[in-house]
Amino acid sequence: MGFLGGFLGLGGGAIMKPLFIFWVFPSMGVSPNIIIHLCFGTSLAIIIPNSIAGSWAYNKSGIIDWRVVFLLALPGVVASFLGSTLAALLEGSLLRVLFGSF
């Protein structure tokens, strides 16, 4: 389960996004045109604090190699900016197909 959770993003992506797409947001009367965008935003709102808490705990254990963190941080920030910009520009239906294909 740990491998699949890390590889597929179980919980946030594999379980929560379909629930948001097909049940939560439609039951709230949200326009289908923006549901997928709200799903990504909600997922990020959950993932970011969880990642910070996990990083804090690992840092307290002393098992973080900060050289690697700084090596990966800049490309990660650039990719996040580009990916979020692209997602904001895409139509909801195309974004849903791309997410489902991935």
C-alpha atoms as a PDB file:
ATOM      1  CA  MET A   1       0.000   0.000   0.000  1.00  0.00           C
ATOM      2  CA  GLY A   2       2.873   2.392   0.708  1.00  0.00           C
ATOM      3  CA  PHE A   3       4.272   1.934  -2.795  1.00  0.00           C
ATOM      4  CA  LEU A   4       0.887   2.508  -4.421  1.00  0.00           C
ATOM      5  CA  GLY A   5       0.179   5.444  -2.140  1.00  0.00           C
ATOM      6  CA  GLY A   6       3.428   7.139  -3.099  1.00  0.00           C
ATOM      7  CA  PHE A   7       3.240   6.216  -6.761  1.00  0.00           C
ATOM      8  CA  LEU A   8      -0.425   6.942  -7.418  1.00  0.00           C
ATOM      9  CA  GLY A   9      -1.239   9.471  -4.724  1.00  0.00           C
ATOM     10  CA  LEU A  10      -3.890   7.322  -3.092  1.00  0.00           C
ATOM     11  CA  GLY A  11      -6.265   9.301  -0.963  1.00  0.00           C
ATOM     12  CA  GLY A  12      -5.825  12.669  -2.611  1.00  0.00           C
ATOM     13  CA  GLY A  13      -5.927  11.752  -6.273  1.00  0.00           C
ATOM     14  CA  ALA A  14      -7.252   8.246  -6.669  1.00  0.00           C
ATOM     15  CA  ILE A  15     -10.057   8.484  -4.137  1.00  0.00           C
ATOM     16  CA  MET A  16     -10.901  12.095  -3.319  1.00  0.00           C
ATOM     17  CA  LYS A  17     -10.970  13.662  -6.784  1.00  0.00           C
ATOM     18  CA  PRO A  18     -13.560  11.220  -8.194  1.00  0.00           C
ATOM     19  CA  LEU A  19     -15.680  11.708  -5.069  1.00  0.00           C
ATOM     20  CA  PHE A  20     -15.490  15.472  -5.504  1.00  0.00           C
ATOM     21  CA  ILE A  21     -16.197  15.263  -9.262  1.00  0.00           C
ATOM     22  CA  PHE A  22     -19.150  12.894  -9.183  1.00  0.00           C
ATOM     23  CA  TRP A  23     -20.728  13.459  -5.773  1.00  0.00           C
ATOM     24  CA  VAL A  24     -19.634  16.357  -3.553  1.00  0.00           C
ATOM     25  CA  PHE A  25     -19.524  19.324  -5.925  1.00  0.00           C
ATOM     26  CA  PRO A  26     -22.542  18.266  -8.073  1.00  0.00           C
ATOM     27  CA  SER A  27     -24.622  17.846  -4.908  1.00  0.00           C
ATOM     28  CA  MET A  28     -23.669  21.411  -3.966  1.00  0.00           C
ATOM     29  CA  GLY A  29     -24.891  22.730  -7.337  1.00  0.00           C
ATOM     30  CA  VAL A  30     -21.444  23.733  -8.593  1.00  0.00           C
ATOM     31  CA  SER A  31     -21.239  24.403 -12.334  1.00  0.00           C
ATOM     32  CA  PRO A  32     -19.765  21.426 -14.231  1.00  0.00           C
ATOM     33  CA  ASN A  33     -17.434  23.850 -16.027  1.00  0.00           C
ATOM     34  CA  ILE A  34     -15.415  24.544 -12.870  1.00  0.00           C
ATOM     35  CA  ILE A  35     -15.759  21.304 -10.896  1.00  0.00           C
ATOM     36  CA  ILE A  36     -12.416  19.863 -12.008  1.00  0.00           C
ATOM     37  CA  HIS A  37     -10.624  23.106 -11.168  1.00  0.00           C
ATOM     38  CA  LEU A  38     -12.164  23.082  -7.692  1.00  0.00           C
ATOM     39  CA  CYS A  39     -11.082  19.456  -7.287  1.00  0.00           C
ATOM     40  CA  PHE A  40      -7.456  20.296  -7.977  1.00  0.00           C
ATOM     41  CA  GLY A  41      -7.561  23.313  -5.681  1.00  0.00           C
ATOM     42  CA  THR A  42      -9.186  21.366  -2.862  1.00  0.00           C
ATOM     43  CA  SER A  43      -6.665  18.558  -3.260  1.00  0.00           C
ATOM     44  CA  LEU A  44      -3.799  21.042  -3.002  1.00  0.00           C
ATOM     45  CA  ALA A  45      -5.376  22.659   0.031  1.00  0.00           C
ATOM     46  CA  ILE A  46      -5.251  19.245   1.714  1.00  0.00           C
ATOM     47  CA  ILE A  47      -1.841  18.120   0.434  1.00  0.00           C
ATOM     48  CA  ILE A  48       0.165  21.246   1.307  1.00  0.00           C
ATOM     49  CA  PRO A  49      -0.445  21.246   5.104  1.00  0.00           C
ATOM     50  CA  ASN A  50      -0.013  17.473   5.179  1.00  0.00           C
ATOM     51  CA  SER A  51       3.343  17.771   3.392  1.00  0.00           C
ATOM     52  CA  ILE A  52       4.511  20.502   5.740  1.00  0.00           C
ATOM     53  CA  ALA A  53       3.588  18.399   8.788  1.00  0.00           C
ATOM     54  CA  GLY A  54       5.385  15.361   7.365  1.00  0.00           C
ATOM     55  CA  SER A  55       8.469  17.379   6.508  1.00  0.00           C
ATOM     56  CA  TRP A  56       8.521  18.841  10.008  1.00  0.00           C
ATOM     57  CA  ALA A  57       8.378  15.359  11.547  1.00  0.00           C
ATOM     58  CA  TYR A  58      11.116  13.984   9.280  1.00  0.00           C
ATOM     59  CA  ASN A  59      13.300  17.009   9.985  1.00  0.00           C
ATOM     60  CA  LYS A  60      12.950  16.457  13.725  1.00  0.00           C
ATOM     61  CA  SER A  61      14.165  12.876  13.142  1.00  0.00           C
ATOM     62  CA  GLY A  62      17.177  14.258  11.269  1.00  0.00           C
ATOM     63  CA  ILE A  63      16.644  12.150   8.161  1.00  0.00           C
ATOM     64  CA  ILE A  64      16.255  14.921   5.590  1.00  0.00           C
ATOM     65  CA  ASP A  65      19.170  15.542   3.265  1.00  0.00           C
ATOM     66  CA  TRP A  66      18.813  19.303   2.812  1.00  0.00           C
ATOM     67  CA  ARG A  67      21.199  19.345  -0.157  1.00  0.00           C
ATOM     68  CA  VAL A  68      18.709  17.220  -2.077  1.00  0.00           C
ATOM     69  CA  VAL A  69      15.811  19.401  -0.929  1.00  0.00           C
ATOM     70  CA  PHE A  70      17.458  22.540  -2.261  1.00  0.00           C
ATOM     71  CA  LEU A  71      18.454  20.727  -5.463  1.00  0.00           C
ATOM     72  CA  LEU A  72      14.828  19.741  -6.133  1.00  0.00           C
ATOM     73  CA  ALA A  73      13.091  22.842  -4.766  1.00  0.00           C
ATOM     74  CA  LEU A  74      13.730  25.204  -7.684  1.00  0.00           C
ATOM     75  CA  PRO A  75      12.583  22.815 -10.442  1.00  0.00           C
ATOM     76  CA  GLY A  76       9.600  21.886  -8.254  1.00  0.00           C
ATOM     77  CA  VAL A  77       8.533  25.501  -7.827  1.00  0.00           C
ATOM     78  CA  VAL A  78       8.927  26.210 -11.558  1.00  0.00           C
ATOM     79  CA  ALA A  79       6.993  23.052 -12.531  1.00  0.00           C
ATOM     80  CA  SER A  80       4.242  23.875 -10.022  1.00  0.00           C
ATOM     81  CA  PHE A  81       3.850  27.363 -11.440  1.00  0.00           C
ATOM     82  CA  LEU A  82       3.768  26.122 -15.041  1.00  0.00           C
ATOM     83  CA  GLY A  83       1.391  23.259 -14.257  1.00  0.00           C
ATOM     84  CA  SER A  84      -1.052  25.422 -12.324  1.00  0.00           C
ATOM     85  CA  THR A  85      -1.013  28.068 -15.047  1.00  0.00           C
ATOM     86  CA  LEU A  86      -1.705  25.441 -17.698  1.00  0.00           C
ATOM     87  CA  ALA A  87      -4.506  23.896 -15.613  1.00  0.00           C
ATOM     88  CA  ALA A  88      -6.121  27.309 -15.147  1.00  0.00           C
ATOM     89  CA  LEU A  89      -6.084  27.938 -18.893  1.00  0.00           C
ATOM     90  CA  LEU A  90      -7.550  24.560 -19.937  1.00  0.00           C
ATOM     91  CA  GLU A  91     -11.254  23.873 -20.282  1.00  0.00           C
ATOM     92  CA  GLY A  92     -12.686  21.721 -17.512  1.00  0.00           C
ATOM     93  CA  SER A  93     -13.653  18.878 -19.860  1.00  0.00           C
ATOM     94  CA  LEU A  94     -10.148  18.660 -21.361  1.00  0.00           C
ATOM     95  CA  LEU A  95      -8.542  18.852 -17.929  1.00  0.00           C
ATOM     96  CA  ARG A  96     -10.788  15.997 -16.751  1.00  0.00           C
ATOM     97  CA  VAL A  97      -9.750  13.831 -19.733  1.00  0.00           C
ATOM     98  CA  LEU A  98      -6.063  14.592 -19.172  1.00  0.00           C
ATOM     99  CA  PHE A  99      -6.317  13.804 -15.460  1.00  0.00           C
ATOM    100  CA  GLY A 100      -8.187  10.570 -16.167  1.00  0.00           C
ATOM    101  CA  SER A 101      -5.616   9.551 -18.772  1.00  0.00           C
ATOM    102  CA  PHE A 102      -2.724  10.209 -16.453  1.00  0.00           C
END
